[in-house]
């Protein structure tokens, strides 16, 4: 039995960890902008900042899913 087929793909693992790092950044940035926007709803940039905050929050969720999925692929998928 060849043990090389069951090893973790280091490049794919690194890619997944980078995605999780980007997710971590967006997880702080999105809610912070959302909080600041909701506290100042009388400002002229209220709607664009609110949309930006929601996009950043959704981006954090997507990057979290993609990062975890990539890490799982690097650990459990066998190379061909």
PDB file of N, CA and C in Angstrom:
ATOM      1  N   UNK A   1       0.843  -1.181   0.000  1.00  0.00           N
ATOM      2  CA  UNK A   1       0.000   0.000   0.000  1.00  0.00           C
ATOM      3  C   UNK A   1       0.889   1.245   0.000  1.00  0.00           C
ATOM      4  N   UNK A   2       0.571   2.179  -0.864  1.00  0.00           N
ATOM      5  CA  UNK A   2       1.371   3.395  -1.004  1.00  0.00           C
ATOM      6  C   UNK A   2       0.873   4.445  -0.020  1.00  0.00           C
ATOM      7  N   UNK A   3       1.736   4.862   0.914  1.00  0.00           N
ATOM      8  CA  UNK A   3       1.349   5.834   1.931  1.00  0.00           C
ATOM      9  C   UNK A   3       1.301   7.265   1.402  1.00  0.00           C
ATOM     10  N   UNK A   4       1.892   7.534   0.254  1.00  0.00           N
ATOM     11  CA  UNK A   4       1.925   8.887  -0.282  1.00  0.00           C
ATOM     12  C   UNK A   4       0.542   9.385  -0.697  1.00  0.00           C
ATOM     13  N   UNK A   5      -0.394   8.487  -0.930  1.00  0.00           N
ATOM     14  CA  UNK A   5      -1.734   8.903  -1.337  1.00  0.00           C
ATOM     15  C   UNK A   5      -2.538   9.484  -0.184  1.00  0.00           C
ATOM     16  N   UNK A   6      -2.154   9.203   1.048  1.00  0.00           N
ATOM     17  CA  UNK A   6      -2.926   9.636   2.205  1.00  0.00           C
ATOM     18  C   UNK A   6      -2.315  10.835   2.925  1.00  0.00           C
ATOM     19  N   UNK A   7      -1.323  11.449   2.343  1.00  0.00           N
ATOM     20  CA  UNK A   7      -0.666  12.587   2.988  1.00  0.00           C
ATOM     21  C   UNK A   7      -1.447  13.873   2.752  1.00  0.00           C
ATOM     22  N   UNK A   8      -1.269  14.827   3.652  1.00  0.00           N
ATOM     23  CA  UNK A   8      -1.910  16.125   3.525  1.00  0.00           C
ATOM     24  C   UNK A   8      -1.232  16.936   2.429  1.00  0.00           C
ATOM     25  N   UNK A   9      -2.037  17.550   1.580  1.00  0.00           N
ATOM     26  CA  UNK A   9      -1.515  18.413   0.522  1.00  0.00           C
ATOM     27  C   UNK A   9      -1.187  19.770   1.137  1.00  0.00           C
ATOM     28  N   UNK A  10       0.105  20.042   1.307  1.00  0.00           N
ATOM     29  CA  UNK A  10       0.551  21.257   2.015  1.00  0.00           C
ATOM     30  C   UNK A  10       0.149  22.538   1.280  1.00  0.00           C
ATOM     31  N   UNK A  11       0.221  22.539  -0.041  1.00  0.00           N
ATOM     32  CA  UNK A  11      -0.138  23.740  -0.814  1.00  0.00           C
ATOM     33  C   UNK A  11      -1.623  24.050  -0.673  1.00  0.00           C
ATOM     34  N   UNK A  12      -2.449  23.030  -0.727  1.00  0.00           N
ATOM     35  CA  UNK A  12      -3.887  23.222  -0.582  1.00  0.00           C
ATOM     36  C   UNK A  12      -4.232  23.650   0.844  1.00  0.00           C
ATOM     37  N   UNK A  13      -3.510  23.110   1.820  1.00  0.00           N
ATOM     38  CA  UNK A  13      -3.709  23.502   3.213  1.00  0.00           C
ATOM     39  C   UNK A  13      -3.355  24.973   3.418  1.00  0.00           C
ATOM     40  N   UNK A  14      -2.266  25.422   2.813  1.00  0.00           N
ATOM     41  CA  UNK A  14      -1.857  26.821   2.908  1.00  0.00           C
ATOM     42  C   UNK A  14      -2.907  27.737   2.281  1.00  0.00           C
ATOM     43  N   UNK A  15      -3.440  27.317   1.142  1.00  0.00           N
ATOM     44  CA  UNK A  15      -4.484  28.091   0.475  1.00  0.00           C
ATOM     45  C   UNK A  15      -5.717  28.218   1.378  1.00  0.00           C
ATOM     46  N   UNK A  16      -6.093  27.138   2.037  1.00  0.00           N
ATOM     47  CA  UNK A  16      -7.237  27.158   2.942  1.00  0.00           C
ATOM     48  C   UNK A  16      -6.996  28.056   4.146  1.00  0.00           C
ATOM     49  N   UNK A  17      -5.790  28.023   4.678  1.00  0.00           N
ATOM     50  CA  UNK A  17      -5.476  28.874   5.826  1.00  0.00           C
ATOM     51  C   UNK A  17      -5.458  30.349   5.448  1.00  0.00           C
ATOM     52  N   UNK A  18      -5.030  30.660   4.221  1.00  0.00           N
ATOM     53  CA  UNK A  18      -5.071  32.049   3.749  1.00  0.00           C
ATOM     54  C   UNK A  18      -6.505  32.528   3.629  1.00  0.00           C
ATOM     55  N   UNK A  19      -7.389  31.647   3.145  1.00  0.00           N
ATOM     56  CA  UNK A  19      -8.804  32.001   3.050  1.00  0.00           C
ATOM     57  C   UNK A  19      -9.393  32.248   4.433  1.00  0.00           C
ATOM     58  N   UNK A  20      -9.003  31.445   5.408  1.00  0.00           N
ATOM     59  CA  UNK A  20      -9.499  31.655   6.767  1.00  0.00           C
ATOM     60  C   UNK A  20      -8.938  32.943   7.367  1.00  0.00           C
ATOM     61  N   UNK A  21      -7.725  33.309   6.987  1.00  0.00           N
ATOM     62  CA  UNK A  21      -7.172  34.589   7.434  1.00  0.00           C
ATOM     63  C   UNK A  21      -7.951  35.762   6.868  1.00  0.00           C
ATOM     64  N   UNK A  22      -8.304  35.679   5.595  1.00  0.00           N
ATOM     65  CA  UNK A  22      -9.143  36.715   4.991  1.00  0.00           C
ATOM     66  C   UNK A  22     -10.514  36.758   5.622  1.00  0.00           C
ATOM     67  N   UNK A  23     -11.031  35.592   5.970  1.00  0.00           N
ATOM     68  CA  UNK A  23     -12.324  35.512   6.650  1.00  0.00           C
ATOM     69  C   UNK A  23     -12.247  36.207   8.008  1.00  0.00           C
ATOM     70  N   UNK A  24     -11.169  35.986   8.735  1.00  0.00           N
ATOM     71  CA  UNK A  24     -11.004  36.606  10.042  1.00  0.00           C
ATOM     72  C   UNK A  24     -10.995  38.132   9.934  1.00  0.00           C
ATOM     73  N   UNK A  25     -10.324  38.639   8.914  1.00  0.00           N
ATOM     74  CA  UNK A  25     -10.304  40.073   8.681  1.00  0.00           C
ATOM     75  C   UNK A  25     -11.714  40.601   8.406  1.00  0.00           C
ATOM     76  N   UNK A  26     -12.432  39.919   7.529  1.00  0.00           N
ATOM     77  CA  UNK A  26     -13.788  40.358   7.192  1.00  0.00           C
ATOM     78  C   UNK A  26     -14.759  40.185   8.357  1.00  0.00           C
ATOM     79  N   UNK A  27     -14.501  39.211   9.227  1.00  0.00           N
ATOM     80  CA  UNK A  27     -15.369  38.995  10.382  1.00  0.00           C
ATOM     81  C   UNK A  27     -15.297  40.160  11.366  1.00  0.00           C
ATOM     82  N   UNK A  28     -14.196  40.857  11.393  1.00  0.00           N
ATOM     83  CA  UNK A  28     -14.091  42.034  12.246  1.00  0.00           C
ATOM     84  C   UNK A  28     -14.495  43.301  11.505  1.00  0.00           C
ATOM     85  N   UNK A  29     -14.114  43.406  10.248  1.00  0.00           N
ATOM     86  CA  UNK A  29     -14.366  44.616   9.480  1.00  0.00           C
ATOM     87  C   UNK A  29     -15.851  44.819   9.183  1.00  0.00           C
ATOM     88  N   UNK A  30     -16.542  43.767   8.748  1.00  0.00           N
ATOM     89  CA  UNK A  30     -17.955  43.872   8.386  1.00  0.00           C
ATOM     90  C   UNK A  30     -18.846  44.331   9.536  1.00  0.00           C
ATOM     91  N   UNK A  31     -18.836  43.631  10.679  1.00  0.00           N
ATOM     92  CA  UNK A  31     -19.670  44.075  11.799  1.00  0.00           C
ATOM     93  C   UNK A  31     -19.266  45.436  12.373  1.00  0.00           C
ATOM     94  N   UNK A  32     -17.974  45.777  12.302  1.00  0.00           N
ATOM     95  CA  UNK A  32     -17.552  47.098  12.784  1.00  0.00           C
ATOM     96  C   UNK A  32     -18.157  48.203  11.925  1.00  0.00           C
ATOM     97  N   UNK A  33     -18.081  48.042  10.609  1.00  0.00           N
ATOM     98  CA  UNK A  33     -18.678  49.041   9.715  1.00  0.00           C
ATOM     99  C   UNK A  33     -20.191  49.065   9.889  1.00  0.00           C
ATOM    100  N   UNK A  34     -20.805  47.898  10.077  1.00  0.00           N
ATOM    101  CA  UNK A  34     -22.246  47.831  10.291  1.00  0.00           C
ATOM    102  C   UNK A  34     -22.643  48.567  11.558  1.00  0.00           C
ATOM    103  N   UNK A  35     -21.895  48.372  12.625  1.00  0.00           N
ATOM    104  CA  UNK A  35     -22.188  49.056  13.888  1.00  0.00           C
ATOM    105  C   UNK A  35     -22.041  50.574  13.750  1.00  0.00           C
ATOM    106  N   UNK A  36     -20.947  50.993  13.121  1.00  0.00           N
ATOM    107  CA  UNK A  36     -20.736  52.431  12.933  1.00  0.00           C
ATOM    108  C   UNK A  36     -21.821  53.045  12.051  1.00  0.00           C
ATOM    109  N   UNK A  37     -22.246  52.297  11.036  1.00  0.00           N
ATOM    110  CA  UNK A  37     -23.275  52.801  10.126  1.00  0.00           C
ATOM    111  C   UNK A  37     -24.616  52.924  10.832  1.00  0.00           C
ATOM    112  N   UNK A  38     -24.972  51.940  11.623  1.00  0.00           N
ATOM    113  CA  UNK A  38     -26.269  51.966  12.299  1.00  0.00           C
ATOM    114  C   UNK A  38     -26.331  53.014  13.401  1.00  0.00           C
ATOM    115  N   UNK A  39     -25.182  53.385  13.943  1.00  0.00           N
ATOM    116  CA  UNK A  39     -25.164  54.437  14.957  1.00  0.00           C
ATOM    117  C   UNK A  39     -25.271  55.836  14.351  1.00  0.00           C
ATOM    118  N   UNK A  40     -24.954  55.973  13.073  1.00  0.00           N
ATOM    119  CA  UNK A  40     -24.985  57.279  12.415  1.00  0.00           C
ATOM    120  C   UNK A  40     -25.909  57.215  11.203  1.00  0.00           C
ATOM    121  N   UNK A  41     -27.185  56.929  11.448  1.00  0.00           N
ATOM    122  CA  UNK A  41     -28.117  56.756  10.332  1.00  0.00           C
ATOM    123  C   UNK A  41     -28.587  58.069   9.714  1.00  0.00           C
ATOM    124  N   UNK A  42     -28.150  59.200  10.252  1.00  0.00           N
ATOM    125  CA  UNK A  42     -28.526  60.491   9.682  1.00  0.00           C
ATOM    126  C   UNK A  42     -27.485  61.017   8.679  1.00  0.00           C
ATOM    127  N   UNK A  43     -26.403  60.298   8.495  1.00  0.00           N
ATOM    128  CA  UNK A  43     -25.331  60.727   7.582  1.00  0.00           C
ATOM    129  C   UNK A  43     -25.695  60.430   6.132  1.00  0.00           C
ATOM    130  N   UNK A  44     -25.099  61.159   5.172  1.00  0.00           N
ATOM    131  CA  UNK A  44     -25.456  60.956   3.759  1.00  0.00           C
ATOM    132  C   UNK A  44     -24.951  59.628   3.174  1.00  0.00           C
ATOM    133  N   UNK A  45     -23.933  59.039   3.747  1.00  0.00           N
ATOM    134  CA  UNK A  45     -23.397  57.780   3.225  1.00  0.00           C
ATOM    135  C   UNK A  45     -23.988  56.563   3.940  1.00  0.00           C
ATOM    136  N   UNK A  46     -25.152  56.710   4.556  1.00  0.00           N
ATOM    137  CA  UNK A  46     -25.751  55.634   5.331  1.00  0.00           C
ATOM    138  C   UNK A  46     -26.021  54.393   4.470  1.00  0.00           C
ATOM    139  N   UNK A  47     -26.713  54.556   3.367  1.00  0.00           N
ATOM    140  CA  UNK A  47     -27.097  53.418   2.517  1.00  0.00           C
ATOM    141  C   UNK A  47     -25.876  52.739   1.881  1.00  0.00           C
ATOM    142  N   UNK A  48     -24.930  53.477   1.266  1.00  0.00           N
ATOM    143  CA  UNK A  48     -23.766  52.786   0.685  1.00  0.00           C
ATOM    144  C   UNK A  48     -22.925  52.039   1.730  1.00  0.00           C
ATOM    145  N   UNK A  49     -22.754  52.620   2.904  1.00  0.00           N
ATOM    146  CA  UNK A  49     -21.981  51.938   3.940  1.00  0.00           C
ATOM    147  C   UNK A  49     -22.725  50.727   4.486  1.00  0.00           C
ATOM    148  N   UNK A  50     -24.044  50.817   4.559  1.00  0.00           N
ATOM    149  CA  UNK A  50     -24.840  49.679   5.004  1.00  0.00           C
ATOM    150  C   UNK A  50     -24.732  48.521   4.022  1.00  0.00           C
ATOM    151  N   UNK A  51     -24.788  48.831   2.738  1.00  0.00           N
ATOM    152  CA  UNK A  51     -24.632  47.806   1.701  1.00  0.00           C
ATOM    153  C   UNK A  51     -23.228  47.206   1.763  1.00  0.00           C
ATOM    154  N   UNK A  52     -22.211  48.042   1.918  1.00  0.00           N
ATOM    155  CA  UNK A  52     -20.833  47.560   2.030  1.00  0.00           C
ATOM    156  C   UNK A  52     -20.668  46.639   3.235  1.00  0.00           C
ATOM    157  N   UNK A  53     -21.257  47.005   4.355  1.00  0.00           N
ATOM    158  CA  UNK A  53     -21.149  46.191   5.564  1.00  0.00           C
ATOM    159  C   UNK A  53     -21.791  44.819   5.352  1.00  0.00           C
ATOM    160  N   UNK A  54     -22.957  44.788   4.702  1.00  0.00           N
ATOM    161  CA  UNK A  54     -23.609  43.505   4.445  1.00  0.00           C
ATOM    162  C   UNK A  54     -22.790  42.653   3.467  1.00  0.00           C
ATOM    163  N   UNK A  55     -22.200  43.280   2.465  1.00  0.00           N
ATOM    164  CA  UNK A  55     -21.364  42.546   1.511  1.00  0.00           C
ATOM    165  C   UNK A  55     -20.138  41.959   2.223  1.00  0.00           C
ATOM    166  N   UNK A  56     -19.526  42.725   3.120  1.00  0.00           N
ATOM    167  CA  UNK A  56     -18.363  42.229   3.859  1.00  0.00           C
ATOM    168  C   UNK A  56     -18.745  41.071   4.787  1.00  0.00           C
ATOM    169  N   UNK A  57     -19.917  41.156   5.415  1.00  0.00           N
ATOM    170  CA  UNK A  57     -20.363  40.071   6.295  1.00  0.00           C
ATOM    171  C   UNK A  57     -20.652  38.800   5.492  1.00  0.00           C
ATOM    172  N   UNK A  58     -21.284  38.953   4.353  1.00  0.00           N
ATOM    173  CA  UNK A  58     -21.559  37.801   3.493  1.00  0.00           C
ATOM    174  C   UNK A  58     -20.240  37.228   2.958  1.00  0.00           C
ATOM    175  N   UNK A  59     -19.300  38.102   2.614  1.00  0.00           N
ATOM    176  CA  UNK A  59     -17.986  37.653   2.158  1.00  0.00           C
ATOM    177  C   UNK A  59     -17.251  36.860   3.227  1.00  0.00           C
ATOM    178  N   UNK A  60     -17.401  37.243   4.498  1.00  0.00           N
ATOM    179  CA  UNK A  60     -16.777  36.498   5.591  1.00  0.00           C
ATOM    180  C   UNK A  60     -17.359  35.092   5.684  1.00  0.00           C
ATOM    181  N   UNK A  61     -18.669  34.971   5.522  1.00  0.00           N
ATOM    182  CA  UNK A  61     -19.307  33.662   5.586  1.00  0.00           C
ATOM    183  C   UNK A  61     -18.849  32.786   4.420  1.00  0.00           C
ATOM    184  N   UNK A  62     -18.771  33.378   3.227  1.00  0.00           N
ATOM    185  CA  UNK A  62     -18.343  32.620   2.043  1.00  0.00           C
ATOM    186  C   UNK A  62     -16.890  32.177   2.186  1.00  0.00           C
ATOM    187  N   UNK A  63     -16.018  33.072   2.635  1.00  0.00           N
ATOM    188  CA  UNK A  63     -14.612  32.703   2.811  1.00  0.00           C
ATOM    189  C   UNK A  63     -14.435  31.644   3.897  1.00  0.00           C
ATOM    190  N   UNK A  64     -15.258  31.703   4.931  1.00  0.00           N
ATOM    191  CA  UNK A  64     -15.200  30.684   5.970  1.00  0.00           C
ATOM    192  C   UNK A  64     -15.545  29.319   5.390  1.00  0.00           C
ATOM    193  N   UNK A  65     -16.622  29.257   4.638  1.00  0.00           N
ATOM    194  CA  UNK A  65     -17.015  27.998   4.013  1.00  0.00           C
ATOM    195  C   UNK A  65     -15.947  27.487   3.054  1.00  0.00           C
ATOM    196  N   UNK A  66     -15.441  28.365   2.189  1.00  0.00           N
ATOM    197  CA  UNK A  66     -14.427  27.950   1.218  1.00  0.00           C
ATOM    198  C   UNK A  66     -13.126  27.528   1.903  1.00  0.00           C
ATOM    199  N   UNK A  67     -12.734  28.241   2.943  1.00  0.00           N
ATOM    200  CA  UNK A  67     -11.503  27.907   3.661  1.00  0.00           C
ATOM    201  C   UNK A  67     -11.588  26.560   4.346  1.00  0.00           C
ATOM    202  N   UNK A  68     -12.699  26.307   5.034  1.00  0.00           N
ATOM    203  CA  UNK A  68     -12.857  25.017   5.710  1.00  0.00           C
ATOM    204  C   UNK A  68     -12.946  23.899   4.685  1.00  0.00           C
ATOM    205  N   UNK A  69     -13.671  24.134   3.593  1.00  0.00           N
ATOM    206  CA  UNK A  69     -13.799  23.132   2.550  1.00  0.00           C
ATOM    207  C   UNK A  69     -12.431  22.811   1.923  1.00  0.00           C
ATOM    208  N   UNK A  70     -11.622  23.827   1.687  1.00  0.00           N
ATOM    209  CA  UNK A  70     -10.287  23.625   1.111  1.00  0.00           C
ATOM    210  C   UNK A  70      -9.384  22.846   2.064  1.00  0.00           C
ATOM    211  N   UNK A  71      -9.458  23.167   3.351  1.00  0.00           N
ATOM    212  CA  UNK A  71      -8.649  22.447   4.334  1.00  0.00           C
ATOM    213  C   UNK A  71      -9.088  20.988   4.424  1.00  0.00           C
ATOM    214  N   UNK A  72     -10.376  20.744   4.402  1.00  0.00           N
ATOM    215  CA  UNK A  72     -10.866  19.361   4.435  1.00  0.00           C
ATOM    216  C   UNK A  72     -10.428  18.588   3.186  1.00  0.00           C
ATOM    217  N   UNK A  73     -10.449  19.266   2.042  1.00  0.00           N
ATOM    218  CA  UNK A  73      -9.977  18.621   0.815  1.00  0.00           C
ATOM    219  C   UNK A  73      -8.490  18.283   0.906  1.00  0.00           C
ATOM    220  N   UNK A  74      -7.712  19.172   1.493  1.00  0.00           N
ATOM    221  CA  UNK A  74      -6.268  18.913   1.586  1.00  0.00           C
ATOM    222  C   UNK A  74      -5.966  17.754   2.534  1.00  0.00           C
ATOM    223  N   UNK A  75      -6.813  17.554   3.518  1.00  0.00           N
ATOM    224  CA  UNK A  75      -6.552  16.495   4.487  1.00  0.00           C
ATOM    225  C   UNK A  75      -7.108  15.146   4.028  1.00  0.00           C
ATOM    226  N   UNK A  76      -8.321  15.130   3.506  1.00  0.00           N
ATOM    227  CA  UNK A  76      -9.012  13.855   3.286  1.00  0.00           C
ATOM    228  C   UNK A  76      -9.070  13.363   1.850  1.00  0.00           C
ATOM    229  N   UNK A  77      -8.884  14.230   0.850  1.00  0.00           N
ATOM    230  CA  UNK A  77      -8.956  13.751  -0.522  1.00  0.00           C
ATOM    231  C   UNK A  77      -7.648  13.071  -0.911  1.00  0.00           C
ATOM    232  N   UNK A  78      -7.787  11.977  -1.627  1.00  0.00           N
ATOM    233  CA  UNK A  78      -6.593  11.253  -2.078  1.00  0.00           C
ATOM    234  C   UNK A  78      -6.128  11.818  -3.412  1.00  0.00           C
ATOM    235  N   UNK A  79      -4.819  11.902  -3.569  1.00  0.00           N
ATOM    236  CA  UNK A  79      -4.257  12.340  -4.857  1.00  0.00           C
ATOM    237  C   UNK A  79      -4.385  11.223  -5.877  1.00  0.00           C
ATOM    238  N   UNK A  80      -4.557  11.609  -7.126  1.00  0.00           N
ATOM    239  CA  UNK A  80      -4.710  10.613  -8.195  1.00  0.00           C
ATOM    240  C   UNK A  80      -3.373  10.234  -8.777  1.00  0.00           C
TER     241      UNK A  80
END
